[in-house]
Amino acid sequence: MKITGIRDGLAVVGLALLLCFVLLTAFWIADEYHVDQLWVAFAWSSLLMIPFFLRAFRAHLERPRLIPFLAGMAIIHGLVFVGLIKFEVPATYWLPIFVLEGYIGALAASRLFGVAPSADDI
């Protein structure tokens, strides 16, 4: 049992280091090819929402119209993230804004599709 805890801790640290390496590499490549860093931030913030959506709506993914909706939500999240950076919103406001964004997205999913995120994530 103790070995598993150590292994899990090492796995978390290894994945965190891998994510840092991948993100730094993406920004380095963007700098090399003169791509605006906001585009990289937009892409990564949108892509990193996919695991959250897959876990939250896993019971409802067989609905064909839900996938484009979730893709739209990921794009909206990316735009909100870039907007917060571009307009230099203080970091203390970011969490409430992201919570409000998630609430509006869950409310829209409930109204449009009659689905709710699973309670496993809480």
PDB file of N, CA and C in Angstrom:
ATOM      1  N   MET A   1       0.825  -1.202   0.000  1.00  0.00           N
ATOM      2  CA  MET A   1       0.000   0.000   0.000  1.00  0.00           C
ATOM      3  C   MET A   1       0.862   1.256   0.000  1.00  0.00           C
ATOM      4  N   LYS A   2       1.957   1.255   0.743  1.00  0.00           N
ATOM      5  CA  LYS A   2       2.834   2.413   0.789  1.00  0.00           C
ATOM      6  C   LYS A   2       3.529   2.645  -0.552  1.00  0.00           C
ATOM      7  N   ILE A   3       3.875   1.557  -1.240  1.00  0.00           N
ATOM      8  CA  ILE A   3       4.522   1.662  -2.547  1.00  0.00           C
ATOM      9  C   ILE A   3       3.586   2.348  -3.542  1.00  0.00           C
ATOM     10  N   THR A   4       2.305   2.027  -3.492  1.00  0.00           N
ATOM     11  CA  THR A   4       1.343   2.623  -4.414  1.00  0.00           C
ATOM     12  C   THR A   4       1.275   4.133  -4.225  1.00  0.00           C
ATOM     13  N   GLY A   5       1.286   4.594  -2.983  1.00  0.00           N
ATOM     14  CA  GLY A   5       1.254   6.030  -2.724  1.00  0.00           C
ATOM     15  C   GLY A   5       2.473   6.730  -3.280  1.00  0.00           C
ATOM     16  N   ILE A   6       3.647   6.107  -3.126  1.00  0.00           N
ATOM     17  CA  ILE A   6       4.867   6.687  -3.669  1.00  0.00           C
ATOM     18  C   ILE A   6       4.814   6.696  -5.194  1.00  0.00           C
ATOM     19  N   ARG A   7       4.337   5.597  -5.767  1.00  0.00           N
ATOM     20  CA  ARG A   7       4.233   5.509  -7.222  1.00  0.00           C
ATOM     21  C   ARG A   7       3.252   6.550  -7.755  1.00  0.00           C
ATOM     22  N   ASP A   8       2.119   6.715  -7.078  1.00  0.00           N
ATOM     23  CA  ASP A   8       1.148   7.721  -7.512  1.00  0.00           C
ATOM     24  C   ASP A   8       1.733   9.125  -7.427  1.00  0.00           C
ATOM     25  N   GLY A   9       2.460   9.400  -6.357  1.00  0.00           N
ATOM     26  CA  GLY A   9       3.089  10.710  -6.212  1.00  0.00           C
ATOM     27  C   GLY A   9       4.108  10.967  -7.294  1.00  0.00           C
ATOM     28  N   LEU A  10       4.906   9.962  -7.605  1.00  0.00           N
ATOM     29  CA  LEU A  10       5.887  10.104  -8.679  1.00  0.00           C
ATOM     30  C   LEU A  10       5.206  10.285 -10.030  1.00  0.00           C
ATOM     31  N   ALA A  11       4.081   9.589 -10.235  1.00  0.00           N
ATOM     32  CA  ALA A  11       3.344   9.743 -11.491  1.00  0.00           C
ATOM     33  C   ALA A  11       2.798  11.160 -11.631  1.00  0.00           C
ATOM     34  N   VAL A  12       2.284  11.722 -10.553  1.00  0.00           N
ATOM     35  CA  VAL A  12       1.754  13.087 -10.599  1.00  0.00           C
ATOM     36  C   VAL A  12       2.877  14.078 -10.893  1.00  0.00           C
ATOM     37  N   VAL A  13       4.010  13.923 -10.215  1.00  0.00           N
ATOM     38  CA  VAL A  13       5.139  14.823 -10.454  1.00  0.00           C
ATOM     39  C   VAL A  13       5.640  14.671 -11.889  1.00  0.00           C
ATOM     40  N   GLY A  14       5.733  13.424 -12.370  1.00  0.00           N
ATOM     41  CA  GLY A  14       6.181  13.195 -13.744  1.00  0.00           C
ATOM     42  C   GLY A  14       5.252  13.797 -14.765  1.00  0.00           C
ATOM     43  N   LEU A  15       3.942  13.650 -14.560  1.00  0.00           N
ATOM     44  CA  LEU A  15       2.978  14.241 -15.502  1.00  0.00           C
ATOM     45  C   LEU A  15       3.017  15.760 -15.456  1.00  0.00           C
ATOM     46  N   ALA A  16       3.205  16.330 -14.264  1.00  0.00           N
ATOM     47  CA  ALA A  16       3.303  17.784 -14.152  1.00  0.00           C
ATOM     48  C   ALA A  16       4.537  18.298 -14.891  1.00  0.00           C
ATOM     49  N   LEU A  17       5.646  17.604 -14.735  1.00  0.00           N
ATOM     50  CA  LEU A  17       6.858  18.005 -15.452  1.00  0.00           C
ATOM     51  C   LEU A  17       6.693  17.869 -16.964  1.00  0.00           C
ATOM     52  N   LEU A  18       6.032  16.791 -17.390  1.00  0.00           N
ATOM     53  CA  LEU A  18       5.776  16.603 -18.816  1.00  0.00           C
ATOM     54  C   LEU A  18       4.896  17.725 -19.364  1.00  0.00           C
ATOM     55  N   LEU A  19       3.849  18.096 -18.627  1.00  0.00           N
ATOM     56  CA  LEU A  19       2.966  19.172 -19.062  1.00  0.00           C
ATOM     57  C   LEU A  19       3.729  20.494 -19.141  1.00  0.00           C
ATOM     58  N   CYS A  20       4.562  20.763 -18.151  1.00  0.00           N
ATOM     59  CA  CYS A  20       5.379  21.982 -18.191  1.00  0.00           C
ATOM     60  C   CYS A  20       6.297  21.986 -19.408  1.00  0.00           C
ATOM     61  N   PHE A  21       6.917  20.863 -19.688  1.00  0.00           N
ATOM     62  CA  PHE A  21       7.814  20.764 -20.840  1.00  0.00           C
ATOM     63  C   PHE A  21       7.051  20.997 -22.145  1.00  0.00           C
ATOM     64  N   VAL A  22       5.887  20.372 -22.271  1.00  0.00           N
ATOM     65  CA  VAL A  22       5.101  20.517 -23.502  1.00  0.00           C
ATOM     66  C   VAL A  22       4.638  21.967 -23.678  1.00  0.00           C
ATOM     67  N   LEU A  23       4.166  22.584 -22.602  1.00  0.00           N
ATOM     68  CA  LEU A  23       3.705  23.965 -22.703  1.00  0.00           C
ATOM     69  C   LEU A  23       4.859  24.918 -23.018  1.00  0.00           C
ATOM     70  N   LEU A  24       5.984  24.734 -22.353  1.00  0.00           N
ATOM     71  CA  LEU A  24       7.136  25.591 -22.642  1.00  0.00           C
ATOM     72  C   LEU A  24       7.625  25.398 -24.075  1.00  0.00           C
ATOM     73  N   THR A  25       7.603  24.166 -24.548  1.00  0.00           N
ATOM     74  CA  THR A  25       7.995  23.896 -25.924  1.00  0.00           C
ATOM     75  C   THR A  25       7.045  24.576 -26.904  1.00  0.00           C
ATOM     76  N   ALA A  26       5.759  24.534 -26.607  1.00  0.00           N
ATOM     77  CA  ALA A  26       4.777  25.179 -27.492  1.00  0.00           C
ATOM     78  C   ALA A  26       5.024  26.674 -27.570  1.00  0.00           C
ATOM     79  N   PHE A  27       5.294  27.311 -26.437  1.00  0.00           N
ATOM     80  CA  PHE A  27       5.553  28.745 -26.460  1.00  0.00           C
ATOM     81  C   PHE A  27       6.893  29.063 -27.117  1.00  0.00           C
ATOM     82  N   TRP A  28       7.870  28.194 -26.953  1.00  0.00           N
ATOM     83  CA  TRP A  28       9.161  28.393 -27.618  1.00  0.00           C
ATOM     84  C   TRP A  28       9.015  28.303 -29.130  1.00  0.00           C
ATOM     85  N   ILE A  29       8.274  27.289 -29.602  1.00  0.00           N
ATOM     86  CA  ILE A  29       8.039  27.145 -31.043  1.00  0.00           C
ATOM     87  C   ILE A  29       7.259  28.335 -31.580  1.00  0.00           C
ATOM     88  N   ALA A  30       6.280  28.800 -30.814  1.00  0.00           N
ATOM     89  CA  ALA A  30       5.520  29.977 -31.242  1.00  0.00           C
ATOM     90  C   ALA A  30       6.428  31.198 -31.353  1.00  0.00           C
ATOM     91  N   ASP A  31       7.368  31.321 -30.441  1.00  0.00           N
ATOM     92  CA  ASP A  31       8.301  32.440 -30.500  1.00  0.00           C
ATOM     93  C   ASP A  31       9.231  32.311 -31.706  1.00  0.00           C
ATOM     94  N   GLU A  32       9.664  31.097 -31.992  1.00  0.00           N
ATOM     95  CA  GLU A  32      10.552  30.874 -33.135  1.00  0.00           C
ATOM     96  C   GLU A  32       9.870  31.214 -34.459  1.00  0.00           C
ATOM     97  N   TYR A  33       8.585  30.894 -34.569  1.00  0.00           N
ATOM     98  CA  TYR A  33       7.847  31.126 -35.811  1.00  0.00           C
ATOM     99  C   TYR A  33       7.025  32.410 -35.776  1.00  0.00           C
ATOM    100  N   HIS A  34       7.263  33.252 -34.785  1.00  0.00           N
ATOM    101  CA  HIS A  34       6.634  34.565 -34.673  1.00  0.00           C
ATOM    102  C   HIS A  34       5.104  34.479 -34.643  1.00  0.00           C
ATOM    103  N   VAL A  35       4.608  33.528 -33.876  1.00  0.00           N
ATOM    104  CA  VAL A  35       3.168  33.393 -33.653  1.00  0.00           C
ATOM    105  C   VAL A  35       2.852  34.089 -32.335  1.00  0.00           C
ATOM    106  N   ASP A  36       1.777  34.852 -32.315  1.00  0.00           N
ATOM    107  CA  ASP A  36       1.399  35.563 -31.100  1.00  0.00           C
ATOM    108  C   ASP A  36       1.138  34.563 -29.970  1.00  0.00           C
ATOM    109  N   GLN A  37       1.651  34.878 -28.802  1.00  0.00           N
ATOM    110  CA  GLN A  37       1.504  33.970 -27.661  1.00  0.00           C
ATOM    111  C   GLN A  37       0.058  33.826 -27.212  1.00  0.00           C
ATOM    112  N   LEU A  38      -0.780  34.798 -27.536  1.00  0.00           N
ATOM    113  CA  LEU A  38      -2.199  34.665 -27.187  1.00  0.00           C
ATOM    114  C   LEU A  38      -2.855  33.514 -27.950  1.00  0.00           C
ATOM    115  N   TRP A  39      -2.394  33.251 -29.181  1.00  0.00           N
ATOM    116  CA  TRP A  39      -2.938  32.115 -29.934  1.00  0.00           C
ATOM    117  C   TRP A  39      -2.578  30.795 -29.261  1.00  0.00           C
ATOM    118  N   VAL A  40      -1.360  30.704 -28.756  1.00  0.00           N
ATOM    119  CA  VAL A  40      -0.943  29.484 -28.057  1.00  0.00           C
ATOM    120  C   VAL A  40      -1.743  29.326 -26.766  1.00  0.00           C
ATOM    121  N   ALA A  41      -1.931  30.412 -26.030  1.00  0.00           N
ATOM    122  CA  ALA A  41      -2.725  30.359 -24.805  1.00  0.00           C
ATOM    123  C   ALA A  41      -4.167  29.962 -25.119  1.00  0.00           C
ATOM    124  N   PHE A  42      -4.724  30.502 -26.202  1.00  0.00           N
ATOM    125  CA  PHE A  42      -6.080  30.139 -26.613  1.00  0.00           C
ATOM    126  C   PHE A  42      -6.172  28.651 -26.922  1.00  0.00           C
ATOM    127  N   ALA A  43      -5.216  28.151 -27.704  1.00  0.00           N
ATOM    128  CA  ALA A  43      -5.247  26.736 -28.099  1.00  0.00           C
ATOM    129  C   ALA A  43      -5.128  25.822 -26.882  1.00  0.00           C
ATOM    130  N   TRP A  44      -4.177  26.099 -26.011  1.00  0.00           N
ATOM    131  CA  TRP A  44      -3.982  25.210 -24.858  1.00  0.00           C
ATOM    132  C   TRP A  44      -5.130  25.305 -23.866  1.00  0.00           C
ATOM    133  N   SER A  45      -5.668  26.500 -23.636  1.00  0.00           N
ATOM    134  CA  SER A  45      -6.791  26.596 -22.697  1.00  0.00           C
ATOM    135  C   SER A  45      -8.023  25.890 -23.244  1.00  0.00           C
ATOM    136  N   SER A  46      -8.194  25.906 -24.552  1.00  0.00           N
ATOM    137  CA  SER A  46      -9.314  25.172 -25.155  1.00  0.00           C
ATOM    138  C   SER A  46      -9.071  23.668 -25.101  1.00  0.00           C
ATOM    139  N   LEU A  47      -7.866  23.236 -25.430  1.00  0.00           N
ATOM    140  CA  LEU A  47      -7.557  21.799 -25.427  1.00  0.00           C
ATOM    141  C   LEU A  47      -7.596  21.195 -24.027  1.00  0.00           C
ATOM    142  N   LEU A  48      -7.175  21.958 -23.038  1.00  0.00           N
ATOM    143  CA  LEU A  48      -7.156  21.419 -21.675  1.00  0.00           C
ATOM    144  C   LEU A  48      -8.555  21.297 -21.073  1.00  0.00           C
ATOM    145  N   MET A  49      -9.558  21.853 -21.739  1.00  0.00           N
ATOM    146  CA  MET A  49     -10.935  21.679 -21.252  1.00  0.00           C
ATOM    147  C   MET A  49     -11.516  20.328 -21.659  1.00  0.00           C
ATOM    148  N   ILE A  50     -10.955  19.696 -22.672  1.00  0.00           N
ATOM    149  CA  ILE A  50     -11.504  18.434 -23.178  1.00  0.00           C
ATOM    150  C   ILE A  50     -11.581  17.357 -22.110  1.00  0.00           C
ATOM    151  N   PRO A  51     -10.527  17.100 -21.310  1.00  0.00           N
ATOM    152  CA  PRO A  51     -10.665  16.058 -20.278  1.00  0.00           C
ATOM    153  C   PRO A  51     -11.754  16.376 -19.254  1.00  0.00           C
ATOM    154  N   PHE A  52     -11.904  17.650 -18.919  1.00  0.00           N
ATOM    155  CA  PHE A  52     -12.950  18.021 -17.969  1.00  0.00           C
ATOM    156  C   PHE A  52     -14.337  17.754 -18.550  1.00  0.00           C
ATOM    157  N   PHE A  53     -14.530  18.098 -19.811  1.00  0.00           N
ATOM    158  CA  PHE A  53     -15.818  17.859 -20.451  1.00  0.00           C
ATOM    159  C   PHE A  53     -16.103  16.368 -20.596  1.00  0.00           C
ATOM    160  N   LEU A  54     -15.089  15.599 -20.979  1.00  0.00           N
ATOM    161  CA  LEU A  54     -15.295  14.157 -21.142  1.00  0.00           C
ATOM    162  C   LEU A  54     -15.686  13.504 -19.833  1.00  0.00           C
ATOM    163  N   ARG A  55     -15.078  13.948 -18.744  1.00  0.00           N
ATOM    164  CA  ARG A  55     -15.432  13.361 -17.452  1.00  0.00           C
ATOM    165  C   ARG A  55     -16.797  13.841 -16.963  1.00  0.00           C
ATOM    166  N   ALA A  56     -17.067  15.116 -17.125  1.00  0.00           N
ATOM    167  CA  ALA A  56     -18.312  15.671 -16.605  1.00  0.00           C
ATOM    168  C   ALA A  56     -19.538  15.183 -17.376  1.00  0.00           C
ATOM    169  N   PHE A  57     -19.415  14.969 -18.688  1.00  0.00           N
ATOM    170  CA  PHE A  57     -20.561  14.601 -19.517  1.00  0.00           C
ATOM    171  C   PHE A  57     -20.433  13.195 -20.097  1.00  0.00           C
ATOM    172  N   ARG A  58     -19.661  12.330 -19.452  1.00  0.00           N
ATOM    173  CA  ARG A  58     -19.391  11.002 -20.023  1.00  0.00           C
ATOM    174  C   ARG A  58     -20.648  10.166 -20.202  1.00  0.00           C
ATOM    175  N   ALA A  59     -21.639  10.371 -19.376  1.00  0.00           N
ATOM    176  CA  ALA A  59     -22.871   9.588 -19.504  1.00  0.00           C
ATOM    177  C   ALA A  59     -23.742  10.059 -20.665  1.00  0.00           C
ATOM    178  N   HIS A  60     -23.441  11.219 -21.221  1.00  0.00           N
ATOM    179  CA  HIS A  60     -24.295  11.804 -22.258  1.00  0.00           C
ATOM    180  C   HIS A  60     -23.583  11.982 -23.589  1.00  0.00           C
ATOM    181  N   LEU A  61     -22.402  11.432 -23.746  1.00  0.00           N
ATOM    182  CA  LEU A  61     -21.622  11.668 -24.961  1.00  0.00           C
ATOM    183  C   LEU A  61     -22.194  10.993 -26.198  1.00  0.00           C
ATOM    184  N   GLU A  62     -23.168  10.103 -26.033  1.00  0.00           N
ATOM    185  CA  GLU A  62     -23.754   9.459 -27.210  1.00  0.00           C
ATOM    186  C   GLU A  62     -24.723  10.377 -27.947  1.00  0.00           C
ATOM    187  N   ARG A  63     -25.083  11.499 -27.349  1.00  0.00           N
ATOM    188  CA  ARG A  63     -25.957  12.462 -28.022  1.00  0.00           C
ATOM    189  C   ARG A  63     -25.143  13.209 -29.080  1.00  0.00           C
ATOM    190  N   PRO A  64     -25.545  13.148 -30.346  1.00  0.00           N
ATOM    191  CA  PRO A  64     -24.710  13.707 -31.413  1.00  0.00           C
ATOM    192  C   PRO A  64     -24.521  15.216 -31.345  1.00  0.00           C
ATOM    193  N   ARG A  65     -25.512  15.959 -30.878  1.00  0.00           N
ATOM    194  CA  ARG A  65     -25.385  17.414 -30.862  1.00  0.00           C
ATOM    195  C   ARG A  65     -24.606  17.936 -29.650  1.00  0.00           C
ATOM    196  N   LEU A  66     -24.365  17.071 -28.673  1.00  0.00           N
ATOM    197  CA  LEU A  66     -23.645  17.521 -27.486  1.00  0.00           C
ATOM    198  C   LEU A  66     -22.160  17.751 -27.774  1.00  0.00           C
ATOM    199  N   ILE A  67     -21.579  16.972 -28.674  1.00  0.00           N
ATOM    200  CA  ILE A  67     -20.150  17.108 -28.977  1.00  0.00           C
ATOM    201  C   ILE A  67     -19.840  18.486 -29.589  1.00  0.00           C
ATOM    202  N   PRO A  68     -20.587  18.958 -30.607  1.00  0.00           N
ATOM    203  CA  PRO A  68     -20.316  20.321 -31.109  1.00  0.00           C
ATOM    204  C   PRO A  68     -20.576  21.397 -30.044  1.00  0.00           C
ATOM    205  N   PHE A  69     -21.552  21.159 -29.178  1.00  0.00           N
ATOM    206  CA  PHE A  69     -21.805  22.104 -28.094  1.00  0.00           C
ATOM    207  C   PHE A  69     -20.591  22.201 -27.174  1.00  0.00           C
ATOM    208  N   LEU A  70     -20.029  21.041 -26.804  1.00  0.00           N
ATOM    209  CA  LEU A  70     -18.858  21.041 -25.931  1.00  0.00           C
ATOM    210  C   LEU A  70     -17.649  21.653 -26.631  1.00  0.00           C
ATOM    211  N   ALA A  71     -17.521  21.442 -27.944  1.00  0.00           N
ATOM    212  CA  ALA A  71     -16.442  22.087 -28.696  1.00  0.00           C
ATOM    213  C   ALA A  71     -16.621  23.606 -28.670  1.00  0.00           C
ATOM    214  N   GLY A  72     -17.845  24.050 -28.818  1.00  0.00           N
ATOM    215  CA  GLY A  72     -18.122  25.486 -28.720  1.00  0.00           C
ATOM    216  C   GLY A  72     -17.816  26.036 -27.343  1.00  0.00           C
ATOM    217  N   MET A  73     -18.130  25.256 -26.312  1.00  0.00           N
ATOM    218  CA  MET A  73     -17.815  25.679 -24.947  1.00  0.00           C
ATOM    219  C   MET A  73     -16.303  25.773 -24.743  1.00  0.00           C
ATOM    220  N   ALA A  74     -15.557  24.855 -25.335  1.00  0.00           N
ATOM    221  CA  ALA A  74     -14.097  24.911 -25.225  1.00  0.00           C
ATOM    222  C   ALA A  74     -13.554  26.159 -25.921  1.00  0.00           C
ATOM    223  N   ILE A  75     -14.122  26.497 -27.065  1.00  0.00           N
ATOM    224  CA  ILE A  75     -13.701  27.709 -27.776  1.00  0.00           C
ATOM    225  C   ILE A  75     -14.053  28.949 -26.966  1.00  0.00           C
ATOM    226  N   ILE A  76     -15.246  28.955 -26.383  1.00  0.00           N
ATOM    227  CA  ILE A  76     -15.640  30.090 -25.539  1.00  0.00           C
ATOM    228  C   ILE A  76     -14.697  30.220 -24.353  1.00  0.00           C
ATOM    229  N   HIS A  77     -14.323  29.076 -23.747  1.00  0.00           N
ATOM    230  CA  HIS A  77     -13.384  29.125 -22.626  1.00  0.00           C
ATOM    231  C   HIS A  77     -12.046  29.716 -23.070  1.00  0.00           C
ATOM    232  N   GLY A  78     -11.582  29.316 -24.243  1.00  0.00           N
ATOM    233  CA  GLY A  78     -10.341  29.867 -24.760  1.00  0.00           C
ATOM    234  C   GLY A  78     -10.433  31.369 -24.980  1.00  0.00           C
ATOM    235  N   LEU A  79     -11.559  31.826 -25.498  1.00  0.00           N
ATOM    236  CA  LEU A  79     -11.741  33.262 -25.727  1.00  0.00           C
ATOM    237  C   LEU A  79     -11.811  34.034 -24.409  1.00  0.00           C
ATOM    238  N   VAL A  80     -12.479  33.456 -23.413  1.00  0.00           N
ATOM    239  CA  VAL A  80     -12.537  34.101 -22.094  1.00  0.00           C
ATOM    240  C   VAL A  80     -11.135  34.186 -21.497  1.00  0.00           C
ATOM    241  N   PHE A  81     -10.387  33.093 -21.602  1.00  0.00           N
ATOM    242  CA  PHE A  81      -9.026  33.061 -21.065  1.00  0.00           C
ATOM    243  C   PHE A  81      -8.143  34.111 -21.730  1.00  0.00           C
ATOM    244  N   VAL A  82      -8.203  34.175 -23.050  1.00  0.00           N
ATOM    245  CA  VAL A  82      -7.403  35.164 -23.780  1.00  0.00           C
ATOM    246  C   VAL A  82      -7.873  36.579 -23.454  1.00  0.00           C
ATOM    247  N   GLY A  83      -9.178  36.755 -23.296  1.00  0.00           N
ATOM    248  CA  GLY A  83      -9.698  38.075 -22.929  1.00  0.00           C
ATOM    249  C   GLY A  83      -9.199  38.530 -21.566  1.00  0.00           C
ATOM    250  N   LEU A  84      -9.127  37.595 -20.627  1.00  0.00           N
ATOM    251  CA  LEU A  84      -8.614  37.951 -19.308  1.00  0.00           C
ATOM    252  C   LEU A  84      -7.147  38.365 -19.376  1.00  0.00           C
ATOM    253  N   ILE A  85      -6.396  37.690 -20.226  1.00  0.00           N
ATOM    254  CA  ILE A  85      -4.985  38.049 -20.382  1.00  0.00           C
ATOM    255  C   ILE A  85      -4.848  39.376 -21.126  1.00  0.00           C
ATOM    256  N   LYS A  86      -5.572  39.513 -22.223  1.00  0.00           N
ATOM    257  CA  LYS A  86      -5.440  40.690 -23.089  1.00  0.00           C
ATOM    258  C   LYS A  86      -5.826  41.976 -22.362  1.00  0.00           C
ATOM    259  N   PHE A  87      -6.910  41.921 -21.584  1.00  0.00           N
ATOM    260  CA  PHE A  87      -7.391  43.119 -20.897  1.00  0.00           C
ATOM    261  C   PHE A  87      -6.811  43.259 -19.495  1.00  0.00           C
ATOM    262  N   GLU A  88      -5.814  42.412 -19.181  1.00  0.00           N
ATOM    263  CA  GLU A  88      -5.066  42.498 -17.928  1.00  0.00           C
ATOM    264  C   GLU A  88      -5.978  42.523 -16.708  1.00  0.00           C
ATOM    265  N   VAL A  89      -6.943  41.607 -16.689  1.00  0.00           N
ATOM    266  CA  VAL A  89      -7.834  41.468 -15.544  1.00  0.00           C
ATOM    267  C   VAL A  89      -7.017  40.885 -14.390  1.00  0.00           C
ATOM    268  N   PRO A  90      -7.121  41.448 -13.199  1.00  0.00           N
ATOM    269  CA  PRO A  90      -6.357  40.907 -12.067  1.00  0.00           C
ATOM    270  C   PRO A  90      -6.695  39.437 -11.812  1.00  0.00           C
ATOM    271  N   ALA A  91      -5.698  38.677 -11.412  1.00  0.00           N
ATOM    272  CA  ALA A  91      -5.851  37.231 -11.232  1.00  0.00           C
ATOM    273  C   ALA A  91      -6.888  36.876 -10.171  1.00  0.00           C
ATOM    274  N   THR A  92      -7.174  37.777  -9.244  1.00  0.00           N
ATOM    275  CA  THR A  92      -8.166  37.482  -8.207  1.00  0.00           C
ATOM    276  C   THR A  92      -9.574  37.331  -8.783  1.00  0.00           C
ATOM    277  N   TYR A  93      -9.809  37.882  -9.957  1.00  0.00           N
ATOM    278  CA  TYR A  93     -11.123  37.772 -10.585  1.00  0.00           C
ATOM    279  C   TYR A  93     -11.251  36.543 -11.496  1.00  0.00           C
ATOM    280  N   TRP A  94     -10.154  35.880 -11.796  1.00  0.00           N
ATOM    281  CA  TRP A  94     -10.189  34.790 -12.765  1.00  0.00           C
ATOM    282  C   TRP A  94     -11.043  33.626 -12.286  1.00  0.00           C
ATOM    283  N   LEU A  95     -10.855  33.181 -11.065  1.00  0.00           N
ATOM    284  CA  LEU A  95     -11.616  32.031 -10.575  1.00  0.00           C
ATOM    285  C   LEU A  95     -13.119  32.294 -10.582  1.00  0.00           C
ATOM    286  N   PRO A  96     -13.592  33.430 -10.048  1.00  0.00           N
ATOM    287  CA  PRO A  96     -15.039  33.676 -10.139  1.00  0.00           C
ATOM    288  C   PRO A  96     -15.551  33.742 -11.578  1.00  0.00           C
ATOM    289  N   ILE A  97     -14.750  34.289 -12.479  1.00  0.00           N
ATOM    290  CA  ILE A  97     -15.173  34.372 -13.878  1.00  0.00           C
ATOM    291  C   ILE A  97     -15.268  32.977 -14.485  1.00  0.00           C
ATOM    292  N   PHE A  98     -14.283  32.105 -14.191  1.00  0.00           N
ATOM    293  CA  PHE A  98     -14.327  30.741 -14.717  1.00  0.00           C
ATOM    294  C   PHE A  98     -15.466  29.938 -14.099  1.00  0.00           C
ATOM    295  N   VAL A  99     -15.752  30.166 -12.827  1.00  0.00           N
ATOM    296  CA  VAL A  99     -16.893  29.483 -12.192  1.00  0.00           C
ATOM    297  C   VAL A  99     -18.194  29.935 -12.843  1.00  0.00           C
ATOM    298  N   LEU A 100     -18.336  31.232 -13.084  1.00  0.00           N
ATOM    299  CA  LEU A 100     -19.525  31.756 -13.754  1.00  0.00           C
ATOM    300  C   LEU A 100     -19.638  31.202 -15.170  1.00  0.00           C
ATOM    301  N   GLU A 101     -18.535  31.118 -15.869  1.00  0.00           N
ATOM    302  CA  GLU A 101     -18.537  30.545 -17.218  1.00  0.00           C
ATOM    303  C   GLU A 101     -18.988  29.079 -17.191  1.00  0.00           C
ATOM    304  N   GLY A 102     -18.464  28.317 -16.243  1.00  0.00           N
ATOM    305  CA  GLY A 102     -18.871  26.910 -16.114  1.00  0.00           C
ATOM    306  C   GLY A 102     -20.329  26.768 -15.743  1.00  0.00           C
ATOM    307  N   TYR A 103     -20.820  27.651 -14.868  1.00  0.00           N
ATOM    308  CA  TYR A 103     -22.227  27.609 -14.488  1.00  0.00           C
ATOM    309  C   TYR A 103     -23.119  27.910 -15.685  1.00  0.00           C
ATOM    310  N   ILE A 104     -22.766  28.920 -16.455  1.00  0.00           N
ATOM    311  CA  ILE A 104     -23.562  29.266 -17.635  1.00  0.00           C
ATOM    312  C   ILE A 104     -23.533  28.129 -18.645  1.00  0.00           C
ATOM    313  N   GLY A 105     -22.379  27.500 -18.831  1.00  0.00           N
ATOM    314  CA  GLY A 105     -22.276  26.361 -19.748  1.00  0.00           C
ATOM    315  C   GLY A 105     -23.111  25.174 -19.291  1.00  0.00           C
ATOM    316  N   ALA A 106     -23.071  24.868 -17.988  1.00  0.00           N
ATOM    317  CA  ALA A 106     -23.878  23.762 -17.463  1.00  0.00           C
ATOM    318  C   ALA A 106     -25.364  24.085 -17.572  1.00  0.00           C
ATOM    319  N   LEU A 107     -25.730  25.332 -17.330  1.00  0.00           N
ATOM    320  CA  LEU A 107     -27.127  25.741 -17.460  1.00  0.00           C
ATOM    321  C   LEU A 107     -27.587  25.632 -18.909  1.00  0.00           C
ATOM    322  N   ALA A 108     -26.734  26.029 -19.841  1.00  0.00           N
ATOM    323  CA  ALA A 108     -27.078  25.921 -21.266  1.00  0.00           C
ATOM    324  C   ALA A 108     -27.213  24.460 -21.672  1.00  0.00           C
ATOM    325  N   ALA A 109     -26.324  23.593 -21.187  1.00  0.00           N
ATOM    326  CA  ALA A 109     -26.419  22.161 -21.497  1.00  0.00           C
ATOM    327  C   ALA A 109     -27.708  21.583 -20.937  1.00  0.00           C
ATOM    328  N   SER A 110     -28.076  22.019 -19.754  1.00  0.00           N
ATOM    329  CA  SER A 110     -29.317  21.536 -19.144  1.00  0.00           C
ATOM    330  C   SER A 110     -30.536  21.996 -19.930  1.00  0.00           C
ATOM    331  N   ARG A 111     -30.538  23.256 -20.335  1.00  0.00           N
ATOM    332  CA  ARG A 111     -31.689  23.795 -21.074  1.00  0.00           C
ATOM    333  C   ARG A 111     -31.785  23.226 -22.495  1.00  0.00           C
ATOM    334  N   LEU A 112     -30.648  23.117 -23.170  1.00  0.00           N
ATOM    335  CA  LEU A 112     -30.671  22.689 -24.564  1.00  0.00           C
ATOM    336  C   LEU A 112     -30.806  21.181 -24.732  1.00  0.00           C
ATOM    337  N   PHE A 113     -30.143  20.420 -23.852  1.00  0.00           N
ATOM    338  CA  PHE A 113     -30.074  18.971 -24.040  1.00  0.00           C
ATOM    339  C   PHE A 113     -30.704  18.179 -22.902  1.00  0.00           C
ATOM    340  N   GLY A 114     -31.079  18.819 -21.835  1.00  0.00           N
ATOM    341  CA  GLY A 114     -31.658  18.109 -20.699  1.00  0.00           C
ATOM    342  C   GLY A 114     -30.626  17.254 -19.967  1.00  0.00           C
ATOM    343  N   VAL A 115     -29.358  17.639 -20.014  1.00  0.00           N
ATOM    344  CA  VAL A 115     -28.295  16.882 -19.352  1.00  0.00           C
ATOM    345  C   VAL A 115     -27.625  17.780 -18.324  1.00  0.00           C
ATOM    346  N   ALA A 116     -27.011  17.152 -17.347  1.00  0.00           N
ATOM    347  CA  ALA A 116     -26.257  17.885 -16.333  1.00  0.00           C
ATOM    348  C   ALA A 116     -24.929  17.188 -16.152  1.00  0.00           C
ATOM    349  N   PRO A 117     -23.891  17.938 -15.798  1.00  0.00           N
ATOM    350  CA  PRO A 117     -22.613  17.283 -15.514  1.00  0.00           C
ATOM    351  C   PRO A 117     -22.766  16.296 -14.366  1.00  0.00           C
ATOM    352  N   SER A 118     -22.002  15.215 -14.398  1.00  0.00           N
ATOM    353  CA  SER A 118     -22.103  14.230 -13.332  1.00  0.00           C
ATOM    354  C   SER A 118     -21.578  14.810 -12.041  1.00  0.00           C
ATOM    355  N   ALA A 119     -22.111  14.340 -10.938  1.00  0.00           N
ATOM    356  CA  ALA A 119     -21.731  14.851  -9.614  1.00  0.00           C
ATOM    357  C   ALA A 119     -20.424  14.239  -9.123  1.00  0.00           C
ATOM    358  N   ASP A 120     -19.801  13.373  -9.913  1.00  0.00           N
ATOM    359  CA  ASP A 120     -18.550  12.739  -9.495  1.00  0.00           C
ATOM    360  C   ASP A 120     -17.416  13.736  -9.381  1.00  0.00           C
ATOM    361  N   ASP A 121     -17.507  14.858 -10.081  1.00  0.00           N
ATOM    362  CA  ASP A 121     -16.407  15.805 -10.143  1.00  0.00           C
ATOM    363  C   ASP A 121     -16.344  16.729  -8.931  1.00  0.00           C
ATOM    364  N   ILE A 122     -17.376  16.743  -8.145  1.00  0.00           N
ATOM    365  CA  ILE A 122     -17.426  17.685  -7.017  1.00  0.00           C
ATOM    366  C   ILE A 122     -16.599  17.169  -5.872  1.00  0.00           C
TER     367      ILE A 122
END
